[in-house]
């Protein structure tokens, strides 16, 4: 039971850190990578909560399609903000 709580704590902290890094980063490709890391941390939380149906859809969309789409869009614009 303690392993479940530790996993929840670590994944929650990781998602918070990745979200902060994605928002404050000026390099847009790094921000996309941080956003993907945040999505992976949320996927771990969904697995711990035994929400496998949500987990499968979330991994395919947020980690795969969303990140690929953002990388494509950043490639069409400038990499650095401002």
N, C-alpha and C. Protein backbone atom coordinates (compact mmCIF):
# COMPACT_ATOMS: atom_id res chain seq x y z
N UNK A 1 0.82 -1.19 0.00
CA UNK A 1 0.00 0.00 0.00
C UNK A 1 0.87 1.27 0.00
N UNK A 2 2.00 1.19 0.69
CA UNK A 2 2.88 2.35 0.73
C UNK A 2 3.48 2.63 -0.65
N UNK A 3 3.68 1.57 -1.44
CA UNK A 3 4.21 1.74 -2.79
C UNK A 3 3.23 2.52 -3.67
N UNK A 4 1.95 2.28 -3.48
CA UNK A 4 0.93 3.02 -4.24
C UNK A 4 0.96 4.49 -3.88
N UNK A 5 1.05 4.78 -2.61
CA UNK A 5 1.09 6.19 -2.17
C UNK A 5 2.36 6.89 -2.63
N UNK A 6 3.47 6.19 -2.60
CA UNK A 6 4.73 6.78 -3.06
C UNK A 6 4.68 7.04 -4.57
N UNK A 7 4.08 6.11 -5.31
CA UNK A 7 3.94 6.31 -6.75
C UNK A 7 3.05 7.50 -7.05
N UNK A 8 1.95 7.64 -6.33
CA UNK A 8 1.07 8.79 -6.50
C UNK A 8 1.79 10.09 -6.18
N UNK A 9 2.55 10.10 -5.12
CA UNK A 9 3.28 11.30 -4.71
C UNK A 9 4.33 11.69 -5.75
N UNK A 10 5.11 10.73 -6.18
CA UNK A 10 6.17 11.02 -7.14
C UNK A 10 5.60 11.45 -8.48
N UNK A 11 4.59 10.74 -8.98
CA UNK A 11 3.99 11.11 -10.26
C UNK A 11 3.30 12.47 -10.18
N UNK A 12 2.67 12.77 -9.06
CA UNK A 12 2.04 14.08 -8.89
C UNK A 12 3.06 15.21 -8.86
N UNK A 13 4.16 14.99 -8.16
CA UNK A 13 5.21 16.00 -8.13
C UNK A 13 5.87 16.17 -9.49
N UNK A 14 6.11 15.06 -10.19
CA UNK A 14 6.70 15.14 -11.52
C UNK A 14 5.80 15.91 -12.48
N UNK A 15 4.51 15.64 -12.42
CA UNK A 15 3.59 16.36 -13.32
C UNK A 15 3.57 17.85 -13.02
N UNK A 16 3.67 18.21 -11.74
CA UNK A 16 3.71 19.62 -11.37
C UNK A 16 4.99 20.29 -11.87
N UNK A 17 6.11 19.61 -11.70
CA UNK A 17 7.39 20.16 -12.15
C UNK A 17 7.41 20.31 -13.67
N UNK A 18 6.96 19.27 -14.40
CA UNK A 18 6.94 19.34 -15.85
C UNK A 18 5.99 20.43 -16.35
N UNK A 19 4.88 20.62 -15.69
CA UNK A 19 3.96 21.68 -16.08
C UNK A 19 4.60 23.05 -15.89
N UNK A 20 5.26 23.25 -14.77
CA UNK A 20 5.95 24.53 -14.52
C UNK A 20 7.04 24.77 -15.57
N UNK A 21 7.82 23.74 -15.85
CA UNK A 21 8.89 23.89 -16.84
C UNK A 21 8.34 24.17 -18.24
N UNK A 22 7.23 23.54 -18.59
CA UNK A 22 6.64 23.76 -19.92
C UNK A 22 6.11 25.19 -20.05
N UNK A 23 5.57 25.73 -18.98
CA UNK A 23 5.01 27.08 -19.04
C UNK A 23 6.10 28.14 -19.07
N UNK A 24 7.19 27.92 -18.36
CA UNK A 24 8.23 28.95 -18.25
C UNK A 24 9.32 28.84 -19.32
N UNK A 25 9.35 27.77 -20.08
CA UNK A 25 10.41 27.56 -21.08
C UNK A 25 10.21 28.48 -22.28
N UNK A 26 11.29 29.05 -22.78
CA UNK A 26 11.23 29.94 -23.94
C UNK A 26 11.51 29.19 -25.25
N UNK A 27 12.17 28.04 -25.17
CA UNK A 27 12.39 27.20 -26.33
C UNK A 27 11.16 26.30 -26.51
N UNK A 28 10.47 26.47 -27.62
CA UNK A 28 9.19 25.79 -27.80
C UNK A 28 9.33 24.28 -27.93
N UNK A 29 10.42 23.78 -28.51
CA UNK A 29 10.60 22.33 -28.59
C UNK A 29 10.84 21.72 -27.22
N UNK A 30 11.57 22.41 -26.37
CA UNK A 30 11.74 21.92 -24.99
C UNK A 30 10.41 21.96 -24.25
N UNK A 31 9.60 22.97 -24.50
CA UNK A 31 8.29 23.05 -23.86
C UNK A 31 7.40 21.89 -24.28
N UNK A 32 7.48 21.49 -25.54
CA UNK A 32 6.71 20.33 -26.01
C UNK A 32 7.21 19.06 -25.32
N UNK A 33 8.51 18.93 -25.15
CA UNK A 33 9.07 17.76 -24.46
C UNK A 33 8.63 17.74 -23.00
N UNK A 34 8.63 18.88 -22.35
CA UNK A 34 8.15 18.94 -20.97
C UNK A 34 6.66 18.61 -20.89
N UNK A 35 5.90 19.04 -21.86
CA UNK A 35 4.48 18.71 -21.90
C UNK A 35 4.27 17.21 -22.07
N UNK A 36 5.10 16.58 -22.88
CA UNK A 36 5.02 15.13 -23.04
C UNK A 36 5.39 14.43 -21.73
N UNK A 37 6.38 14.95 -21.02
CA UNK A 37 6.74 14.39 -19.72
C UNK A 37 5.61 14.51 -18.71
N UNK A 38 4.92 15.63 -18.75
CA UNK A 38 3.76 15.82 -17.88
C UNK A 38 2.66 14.82 -18.24
N UNK A 39 2.48 14.56 -19.51
CA UNK A 39 1.48 13.58 -19.93
C UNK A 39 1.84 12.17 -19.49
N UNK A 40 3.12 11.86 -19.50
CA UNK A 40 3.55 10.55 -19.03
C UNK A 40 3.32 10.41 -17.53
N UNK A 41 3.56 11.49 -16.78
CA UNK A 41 3.31 11.45 -15.34
C UNK A 41 1.82 11.25 -15.06
N UNK A 42 0.96 11.91 -15.85
CA UNK A 42 -0.48 11.69 -15.70
C UNK A 42 -0.87 10.26 -16.08
N UNK A 43 -0.19 9.70 -17.05
CA UNK A 43 -0.47 8.32 -17.44
C UNK A 43 -0.15 7.36 -16.30
N UNK A 44 0.92 7.64 -15.59
CA UNK A 44 1.26 6.82 -14.42
C UNK A 44 0.16 6.94 -13.36
N UNK A 45 -0.34 8.16 -13.17
CA UNK A 45 -1.43 8.35 -12.20
C UNK A 45 -2.69 7.58 -12.62
N UNK A 46 -3.03 7.61 -13.90
CA UNK A 46 -4.18 6.86 -14.38
C UNK A 46 -3.99 5.36 -14.18
N UNK A 47 -2.77 4.87 -14.36
CA UNK A 47 -2.50 3.45 -14.16
C UNK A 47 -2.67 3.08 -12.69
N UNK A 48 -2.18 3.92 -11.80
CA UNK A 48 -2.31 3.65 -10.37
C UNK A 48 -3.78 3.66 -9.95
N UNK A 49 -4.57 4.56 -10.54
CA UNK A 49 -5.99 4.63 -10.23
C UNK A 49 -6.81 3.55 -10.94
N UNK A 50 -6.14 2.69 -11.73
CA UNK A 50 -6.77 1.58 -12.44
C UNK A 50 -7.81 2.07 -13.44
N UNK A 51 -7.54 3.18 -14.10
CA UNK A 51 -8.42 3.71 -15.14
C UNK A 51 -7.81 3.37 -16.50
N UNK A 52 -7.79 2.07 -16.82
CA UNK A 52 -7.07 1.62 -18.01
C UNK A 52 -7.72 2.09 -19.30
N UNK A 53 -9.04 2.21 -19.34
CA UNK A 53 -9.68 2.69 -20.57
C UNK A 53 -9.32 4.15 -20.86
N UNK A 54 -9.26 4.96 -19.83
CA UNK A 54 -8.84 6.35 -20.00
C UNK A 54 -7.35 6.40 -20.32
N UNK A 55 -6.58 5.54 -19.69
CA UNK A 55 -5.14 5.51 -19.90
C UNK A 55 -4.78 5.22 -21.35
N UNK A 56 -5.42 4.25 -21.97
CA UNK A 56 -5.10 3.90 -23.35
C UNK A 56 -5.41 5.04 -24.31
N UNK A 57 -6.53 5.70 -24.12
CA UNK A 57 -6.86 6.83 -24.98
C UNK A 57 -5.94 8.02 -24.70
N UNK A 58 -5.61 8.24 -23.45
CA UNK A 58 -4.77 9.38 -23.08
C UNK A 58 -3.35 9.24 -23.64
N UNK A 59 -2.80 8.05 -23.58
CA UNK A 59 -1.45 7.84 -24.11
C UNK A 59 -1.44 8.08 -25.61
N UNK A 60 -2.41 7.54 -26.31
CA UNK A 60 -2.43 7.69 -27.77
C UNK A 60 -2.60 9.14 -28.18
N UNK A 61 -3.43 9.87 -27.49
CA UNK A 61 -3.73 11.24 -27.91
C UNK A 61 -2.71 12.23 -27.35
N UNK A 62 -2.51 12.26 -26.04
CA UNK A 62 -1.69 13.33 -25.46
C UNK A 62 -0.20 13.11 -25.67
N UNK A 63 0.27 11.91 -25.57
CA UNK A 63 1.70 11.67 -25.73
C UNK A 63 2.06 11.56 -27.21
N UNK A 64 1.22 10.91 -27.99
CA UNK A 64 1.53 10.68 -29.39
C UNK A 64 1.09 11.77 -30.33
N UNK A 65 -0.20 11.89 -30.53
CA UNK A 65 -0.74 12.81 -31.54
C UNK A 65 -0.49 14.27 -31.16
N UNK A 66 -0.76 14.62 -29.93
CA UNK A 66 -0.62 16.01 -29.49
C UNK A 66 0.82 16.48 -29.60
N UNK A 67 1.77 15.67 -29.13
CA UNK A 67 3.18 16.07 -29.21
C UNK A 67 3.65 16.16 -30.66
N UNK A 68 3.26 15.20 -31.49
CA UNK A 68 3.66 15.23 -32.90
C UNK A 68 3.08 16.45 -33.61
N UNK A 69 1.84 16.78 -33.32
CA UNK A 69 1.21 17.95 -33.92
C UNK A 69 1.91 19.24 -33.49
N UNK A 70 2.24 19.34 -32.22
CA UNK A 70 2.93 20.54 -31.74
C UNK A 70 4.33 20.67 -32.33
N UNK A 71 5.04 19.56 -32.48
CA UNK A 71 6.37 19.61 -33.10
C UNK A 71 6.25 20.05 -34.55
N UNK A 72 5.24 19.56 -35.26
CA UNK A 72 5.01 19.98 -36.65
C UNK A 72 4.72 21.48 -36.72
N UNK A 73 3.88 21.96 -35.82
CA UNK A 73 3.52 23.38 -35.83
C UNK A 73 4.72 24.25 -35.48
N UNK A 74 5.52 23.84 -34.49
CA UNK A 74 6.71 24.60 -34.13
C UNK A 74 7.69 24.61 -35.30
N UNK A 75 7.75 23.53 -36.06
CA UNK A 75 8.61 23.49 -37.23
C UNK A 75 8.21 24.49 -38.29
N UNK A 76 6.94 24.83 -38.36
CA UNK A 76 6.45 25.80 -39.33
C UNK A 76 6.62 27.25 -38.84
N UNK A 77 6.89 27.43 -37.56
CA UNK A 77 7.07 28.77 -37.01
C UNK A 77 8.50 28.89 -36.50
N UNK A 78 8.76 29.84 -35.62
CA UNK A 78 10.07 30.00 -35.01
C UNK A 78 10.17 29.15 -33.76
N UNK A 79 11.38 28.64 -33.53
CA UNK A 79 11.58 27.75 -32.40
C UNK A 79 11.56 28.48 -31.06
N UNK A 80 12.10 29.68 -31.03
CA UNK A 80 12.21 30.41 -29.77
C UNK A 80 11.12 31.46 -29.67
N UNK A 81 10.57 31.60 -28.48
CA UNK A 81 9.50 32.56 -28.22
C UNK A 81 10.08 33.95 -28.06
N UNK A 82 9.32 34.92 -28.51
CA UNK A 82 9.64 36.31 -28.23
C UNK A 82 10.65 36.87 -29.14
